[in-house]
């Protein structure tokens, strides 16, 4: 049999599309779903190609699990929605099931890959909101030589940045901007390429930027000059997340939640709902959520409940 299970092309992504189209012809899939599944599978095909896997016959469950675990890392870092990560793994299962005529054993995105669907409403206070716990975690990172990772954690905690945004931030420029304008512009590594401004409102923020700028040195950002973003994400950045987890902090996303809770209290004068606060004025609450949504790089205030808790009834 020719490569890619005889689907008529040597290109894995194209073979996946052909398998899906054949499934539509057999009435096993809806025509409306094929485009989305094909697009998601193409991302796995690109990943497989980078790993030296050029044909479907060489794909096995462990490779898909490894792919899924990398997606789980992105979810933990706040760089990808859990639902989308699960859909990416499911697309591989769908295509491989069709290509192998049902012989493929599906890989579970949650159980086997560790992609957890976060609750739409946060019910537990972020551990990182406790300053002493956070300080101990950061100090331990610095003592173990993880000075860049410590800076990433501080930027997530004091500015609400995603780990990718913090990694790609030119902290020297950001420090000068904060001193000059009272804001920091975030443009690299953002979701959807959306630039936003985050207000500088504390001396702590300036101290964090100053430490990060010193660590950055003559580099372009906090990623080591000899490493690509991918190498940093899968190496040093992951090590940093594991280090803060040893102190009970869930990950960089937990630190963004801590930032959001502090900002909510600053904007409303009341503790965030997840911190035990009660909403007295729903318009004030809504205005605060809109501001926090912007500062976190989201375009819907509903997402803020994942960081600070819900609005109640």
Protein backbone atom coordinates (compact mmCIF):
# COMPACT_ATOMS: atom_id res chain seq x y z
CA UNK A 1 0.00 0.00 0.00
CA UNK A 2 1.27 3.51 -0.76
CA UNK A 3 2.07 5.90 2.06
CA UNK A 4 -0.68 7.62 4.08
CA UNK A 5 -2.89 4.55 3.86
CA UNK A 6 -3.33 4.84 0.11
CA UNK A 7 -5.12 8.18 0.29
CA UNK A 8 -3.51 9.38 -2.92
CA UNK A 9 -1.04 11.98 -1.67
CA UNK A 10 2.34 12.03 0.03
CA UNK A 11 1.38 15.13 2.04
CA UNK A 12 0.00 14.16 5.47
CA UNK A 13 -2.20 17.22 5.85
CA UNK A 14 -3.76 16.71 2.42
CA UNK A 15 -4.23 13.01 3.15
CA UNK A 16 -6.12 13.93 6.29
CA UNK A 17 -8.48 16.11 4.28
CA UNK A 18 -9.07 13.32 1.77
CA UNK A 19 -9.87 10.87 4.58
CA UNK A 20 -12.39 13.34 6.00
CA UNK A 21 -14.00 13.94 2.61
CA UNK A 22 -14.36 10.19 2.12
CA UNK A 23 -16.02 9.95 5.54
CA UNK A 24 -18.51 12.63 4.47
CA UNK A 25 -19.23 10.59 1.35
CA UNK A 26 -19.97 7.57 3.51
CA UNK A 27 -22.24 9.63 5.75
CA UNK A 28 -19.95 9.24 8.78
CA UNK A 29 -19.16 12.95 9.17
CA UNK A 30 -21.08 16.11 8.40
CA UNK A 31 -19.82 18.34 5.60
CA UNK A 32 -20.02 21.35 7.92
CA UNK A 33 -17.47 19.92 10.37
CA UNK A 34 -14.80 18.89 7.87
CA UNK A 35 -13.10 22.26 7.36
CA UNK A 36 -12.51 22.79 11.07
CA UNK A 37 -11.24 19.24 11.63
CA UNK A 38 -8.93 19.44 8.60
CA UNK A 39 -7.49 22.74 9.79
CA UNK A 40 -6.83 21.33 13.27
CA UNK A 41 -5.26 18.17 11.88
CA UNK A 42 -2.95 20.26 9.69
CA UNK A 43 -1.43 21.69 12.87
CA UNK A 44 -0.61 18.18 14.07
CA UNK A 45 0.78 17.33 10.62
CA UNK A 46 3.15 20.31 10.89
CA UNK A 47 4.19 19.19 14.38
CA UNK A 48 4.78 15.63 13.13
CA UNK A 49 6.88 16.88 10.22
CA UNK A 50 9.12 18.79 12.62
CA UNK A 51 9.58 15.54 14.52
CA UNK A 52 10.64 13.75 11.34
CA UNK A 53 7.32 11.92 10.90
CA UNK A 54 6.27 12.18 7.27
CA UNK A 55 3.58 9.55 6.90
CA UNK A 56 0.47 8.47 8.76
CA UNK A 57 1.65 4.89 9.15
CA UNK A 58 4.34 6.14 11.55
CA UNK A 59 1.92 7.90 13.88
CA UNK A 60 1.23 6.10 17.14
CA UNK A 61 -0.65 6.92 20.33
CA UNK A 62 2.45 7.97 22.27
CA UNK A 63 3.29 10.62 19.66
CA UNK A 64 -0.23 12.01 19.94
CA UNK A 65 0.04 11.98 23.74
CA UNK A 66 3.30 13.92 23.52
CA UNK A 67 1.60 16.42 21.20
CA UNK A 68 -1.29 16.69 23.63
CA UNK A 69 1.05 17.27 26.57
CA UNK A 70 2.64 20.19 24.75
CA UNK A 71 -0.83 21.61 24.20
CA UNK A 72 -1.54 21.09 27.90
CA UNK A 73 1.53 23.20 28.66
CA UNK A 74 0.12 26.02 26.52
CA UNK A 75 -3.17 25.80 28.39
CA UNK A 76 -1.36 25.96 31.73
CA UNK A 77 0.56 29.00 30.54
CA UNK A 78 -2.68 30.69 29.53
CA UNK A 79 -1.66 30.76 25.87
CA UNK A 80 -4.42 28.45 24.60
CA UNK A 81 -7.99 27.70 25.59
CA UNK A 82 -8.44 24.22 27.06
CA UNK A 83 -11.41 23.58 24.79
CA UNK A 84 -9.35 24.36 21.67
CA UNK A 85 -6.47 22.16 22.84
CA UNK A 86 -8.90 19.29 23.36
CA UNK A 87 -10.33 19.87 19.89
CA UNK A 88 -6.84 19.71 18.36
CA UNK A 89 -6.24 16.26 19.85
CA UNK A 90 -9.75 15.12 18.93
CA UNK A 91 -9.10 16.12 15.32
CA UNK A 92 -6.10 13.77 15.20
CA UNK A 93 -8.26 10.98 16.58
CA UNK A 94 -10.97 11.66 13.99
CA UNK A 95 -8.61 11.70 11.01
CA UNK A 96 -6.63 8.65 12.13
CA UNK A 97 -9.82 6.69 12.80
CA UNK A 98 -10.95 7.38 9.24
CA UNK A 99 -7.54 6.74 7.67
CA UNK A 100 -7.11 3.40 9.47
CA UNK A 101 -10.69 2.29 8.82
CA UNK A 102 -11.51 2.27 12.51
CA UNK A 103 -8.37 0.57 13.81
CA UNK A 104 -7.04 3.68 15.57
CA UNK A 105 -7.28 3.67 19.37
CA UNK A 106 -8.30 7.18 20.36
CA UNK A 107 -6.13 9.20 22.76
CA UNK A 108 -8.00 11.02 25.54
CA UNK A 109 -7.16 14.76 25.57
CA UNK A 110 -7.91 14.99 29.29
CA UNK A 111 -6.96 11.65 30.84
CA UNK A 112 -3.88 10.86 28.73
CA UNK A 113 -2.66 14.32 27.72
CA UNK A 114 -3.50 16.21 30.88
CA UNK A 115 -5.49 18.94 29.15
CA UNK A 116 -7.79 20.08 31.92
CA UNK A 117 -10.89 22.11 31.24
CA UNK A 118 -10.78 24.97 33.69
CA UNK A 119 -14.03 25.94 35.33
CA UNK A 120 -15.67 28.96 33.74
CA UNK A 121 -15.95 30.44 37.23
CA UNK A 122 -13.06 30.40 39.69
CA UNK A 123 -14.12 29.03 43.05
CA UNK A 124 -10.77 28.96 44.89
CA UNK A 125 -8.61 31.96 45.66
CA UNK A 126 -5.32 31.94 43.71
CA UNK A 127 -2.46 30.83 45.93
CA UNK A 128 -0.21 33.45 44.34
CA UNK A 129 -2.26 36.25 45.88
CA UNK A 130 -0.42 35.60 49.16
CA UNK A 131 2.67 37.80 48.99
CA UNK A 132 4.77 35.70 51.35
CA UNK A 133 4.12 32.49 49.44
CA UNK A 134 4.91 34.19 46.15
CA UNK A 135 8.07 35.82 47.49
CA UNK A 136 9.36 32.47 48.78
CA UNK A 137 8.72 30.88 45.39
CA UNK A 138 10.53 33.64 43.49
CA UNK A 139 13.45 33.70 45.92
CA UNK A 140 13.85 29.93 45.60
CA UNK A 141 13.89 30.25 41.82
CA UNK A 142 16.64 32.86 41.95
CA UNK A 143 18.69 30.79 44.39
CA UNK A 144 18.49 27.83 42.00
CA UNK A 145 19.68 29.94 39.07
CA UNK A 146 16.27 30.48 37.47
CA UNK A 147 16.63 34.27 37.34
CA UNK A 148 14.80 34.65 34.02
CA UNK A 149 11.95 32.43 35.17
CA UNK A 150 11.69 34.47 38.37
CA UNK A 151 11.27 37.60 36.25
CA UNK A 152 8.56 35.91 34.17
CA UNK A 153 6.70 34.97 37.35
CA UNK A 154 6.96 38.53 38.68
CA UNK A 155 5.69 40.01 35.42
CA UNK A 156 2.73 37.64 35.50
CA UNK A 157 2.03 38.57 39.13
CA UNK A 158 2.48 42.36 38.90
CA UNK A 159 1.24 43.04 35.35
CA UNK A 160 -1.04 40.08 34.64
CA UNK A 161 1.03 38.98 31.63
CA UNK A 162 0.81 35.60 29.97
CA UNK A 163 4.07 33.69 30.14
CA UNK A 164 4.68 34.21 26.42
CA UNK A 165 4.01 37.94 26.69
CA UNK A 166 6.38 38.21 29.64
CA UNK A 167 9.06 36.18 27.84
CA UNK A 168 8.90 38.38 24.73
CA UNK A 169 8.66 41.71 26.54
CA UNK A 170 11.54 44.13 26.00
CA UNK A 171 11.72 45.06 29.66
CA UNK A 172 14.24 47.86 29.17
CA UNK A 173 11.85 49.65 26.83
CA UNK A 174 8.92 48.83 29.11
CA UNK A 175 10.73 50.31 32.13
CA UNK A 176 11.45 53.55 30.28
CA UNK A 177 7.85 53.73 29.06
CA UNK A 178 6.43 53.13 32.53
CA UNK A 179 8.54 55.94 33.96
CA UNK A 180 7.65 58.28 31.11
CA UNK A 181 3.93 57.59 30.57
CA UNK A 182 2.68 55.54 33.50
CA UNK A 183 1.75 52.63 31.22
CA UNK A 184 3.38 49.58 29.65
CA UNK A 185 2.51 48.58 26.09
CA UNK A 186 2.18 44.84 25.47
CA UNK A 187 2.44 43.91 21.79
CA UNK A 188 4.56 40.74 21.48
CA UNK A 189 3.11 37.28 22.08
CA UNK A 190 -0.43 38.52 22.59
CA UNK A 191 -3.53 36.55 21.62
CA UNK A 192 -4.76 37.59 18.21
CA UNK A 193 -1.94 40.12 17.93
CA UNK A 194 -3.95 42.61 20.00
CA UNK A 195 -1.79 45.36 21.51
CA UNK A 196 -2.85 46.70 24.89
CA UNK A 197 -1.65 49.11 27.55
CA UNK A 198 -1.37 48.17 31.21
CA UNK A 199 -1.29 50.96 33.80
CA UNK A 200 1.73 51.32 36.06
CA UNK A 201 0.30 52.03 39.49
CA UNK A 202 2.83 50.81 42.04
CA UNK A 203 6.51 51.04 42.91
CA UNK A 204 6.53 47.24 42.99
CA UNK A 205 5.88 47.19 39.24
CA UNK A 206 8.85 49.48 38.60
CA UNK A 207 11.05 47.29 40.78
CA UNK A 208 9.98 44.19 38.83
CA UNK A 209 10.72 45.88 35.49
CA UNK A 210 14.06 47.13 36.78
CA UNK A 211 15.13 43.63 37.90
CA UNK A 212 13.97 42.14 34.62
CA UNK A 213 15.79 44.78 32.57
CA UNK A 214 19.01 43.98 34.44
CA UNK A 215 18.58 40.26 33.72
CA UNK A 216 17.73 40.98 30.08
CA UNK A 217 20.94 42.93 29.60
CA UNK A 218 21.65 43.56 25.93
CA UNK A 219 19.18 40.92 24.77
CA UNK A 220 15.93 41.70 22.98
CA UNK A 221 13.78 40.21 25.74
CA UNK A 222 13.92 37.69 28.59
CA UNK A 223 14.43 34.66 26.35
CA UNK A 224 18.11 33.63 26.37
CA UNK A 225 19.76 34.89 23.19
CA UNK A 226 20.82 31.38 22.21
CA UNK A 227 17.28 29.95 22.46
CA UNK A 228 14.20 30.19 20.26
CA UNK A 229 10.76 30.78 21.76
CA UNK A 230 9.92 27.12 21.29
CA UNK A 231 13.10 25.94 23.00
CA UNK A 232 12.47 28.33 25.88
CA UNK A 233 8.82 27.30 26.19
CA UNK A 234 9.64 23.60 26.31
CA UNK A 235 12.71 24.00 28.50
CA UNK A 236 13.37 26.90 30.84
CA UNK A 237 9.82 28.21 30.97
CA UNK A 238 8.44 24.78 31.82
CA UNK A 239 11.10 24.37 34.51
CA UNK A 240 10.00 27.68 35.99
CA UNK A 241 6.37 26.62 36.12
CA UNK A 242 7.30 23.38 37.85
CA UNK A 243 9.39 25.35 40.34
CA UNK A 244 6.52 27.62 41.41
CA UNK A 245 4.21 24.62 41.58
CA UNK A 246 6.38 23.19 44.35
CA UNK A 247 5.21 26.17 46.43
CA UNK A 248 1.56 25.38 45.82
CA UNK A 249 1.09 27.93 43.04
CA UNK A 250 -0.78 26.34 40.16
CA UNK A 251 1.28 27.99 37.43
CA UNK A 252 1.65 31.30 35.63
CA UNK A 253 -2.12 31.46 35.13
CA UNK A 254 -2.57 31.45 38.91
CA UNK A 255 -0.36 34.54 39.09
CA UNK A 256 -2.50 36.30 36.48
CA UNK A 257 -5.50 35.51 38.66
CA UNK A 258 -3.72 37.00 41.67
CA UNK A 259 -3.08 40.17 39.67
CA UNK A 260 -6.75 40.30 38.64
CA UNK A 261 -7.94 39.93 42.23
CA UNK A 262 -5.72 42.78 43.40
CA UNK A 263 -6.84 44.99 40.52
CA UNK A 264 -10.48 44.28 41.30
CA UNK A 265 -10.01 45.45 44.88
CA UNK A 266 -8.13 48.55 43.72
CA UNK A 267 -10.88 49.44 41.24
CA UNK A 268 -13.91 48.70 43.42
CA UNK A 269 -12.67 49.07 46.97
CA UNK A 270 -13.92 45.56 47.71
CA UNK A 271 -12.32 42.13 47.69
CA UNK A 272 -12.86 40.00 44.60
CA UNK A 273 -15.74 37.52 44.88
CA UNK A 274 -13.33 34.57 44.98
CA UNK A 275 -11.58 36.28 47.91
CA UNK A 276 -14.83 36.46 49.86
CA UNK A 277 -15.97 39.87 48.66
CA UNK A 278 -19.62 40.73 48.02
CA UNK A 279 -20.87 42.74 45.05
CA UNK A 280 -22.73 45.81 46.31
CA UNK A 281 -22.93 47.79 43.06
CA UNK A 282 -23.28 45.68 39.92
CA UNK A 283 -22.34 48.55 37.61
CA UNK A 284 -19.12 49.18 39.53
CA UNK A 285 -18.45 45.44 39.35
CA UNK A 286 -19.07 45.38 35.61
CA UNK A 287 -16.85 48.40 34.96
CA UNK A 288 -14.04 46.76 36.92
CA UNK A 289 -14.40 43.52 34.99
CA UNK A 290 -14.25 45.39 31.69
CA UNK A 291 -11.03 47.09 32.74
CA UNK A 292 -9.47 43.87 34.03
CA UNK A 293 -10.52 42.04 30.86
CA UNK A 294 -8.62 44.62 28.83
CA UNK A 295 -5.54 44.48 31.05
CA UNK A 296 -5.43 40.67 30.85
CA UNK A 297 -5.70 40.73 27.05
CA UNK A 298 -9.23 39.36 26.71
CA UNK A 299 -12.09 40.83 24.72
CA UNK A 300 -15.00 39.50 26.81
CA UNK A 301 -15.73 40.35 30.42
CA UNK A 302 -17.25 36.89 30.97
CA UNK A 303 -13.73 35.46 30.93
CA UNK A 304 -12.81 37.49 34.01
CA UNK A 305 -14.91 35.15 36.19
CA UNK A 306 -12.19 32.56 35.59
CA UNK A 307 -9.79 34.84 37.45
CA UNK A 308 -11.80 36.59 40.18
CA UNK A 309 -15.03 34.60 40.56
CA UNK A 310 -18.56 35.08 39.28
CA UNK A 311 -21.09 37.87 39.59
CA UNK A 312 -23.68 35.80 41.46
CA UNK A 313 -27.37 36.24 40.74
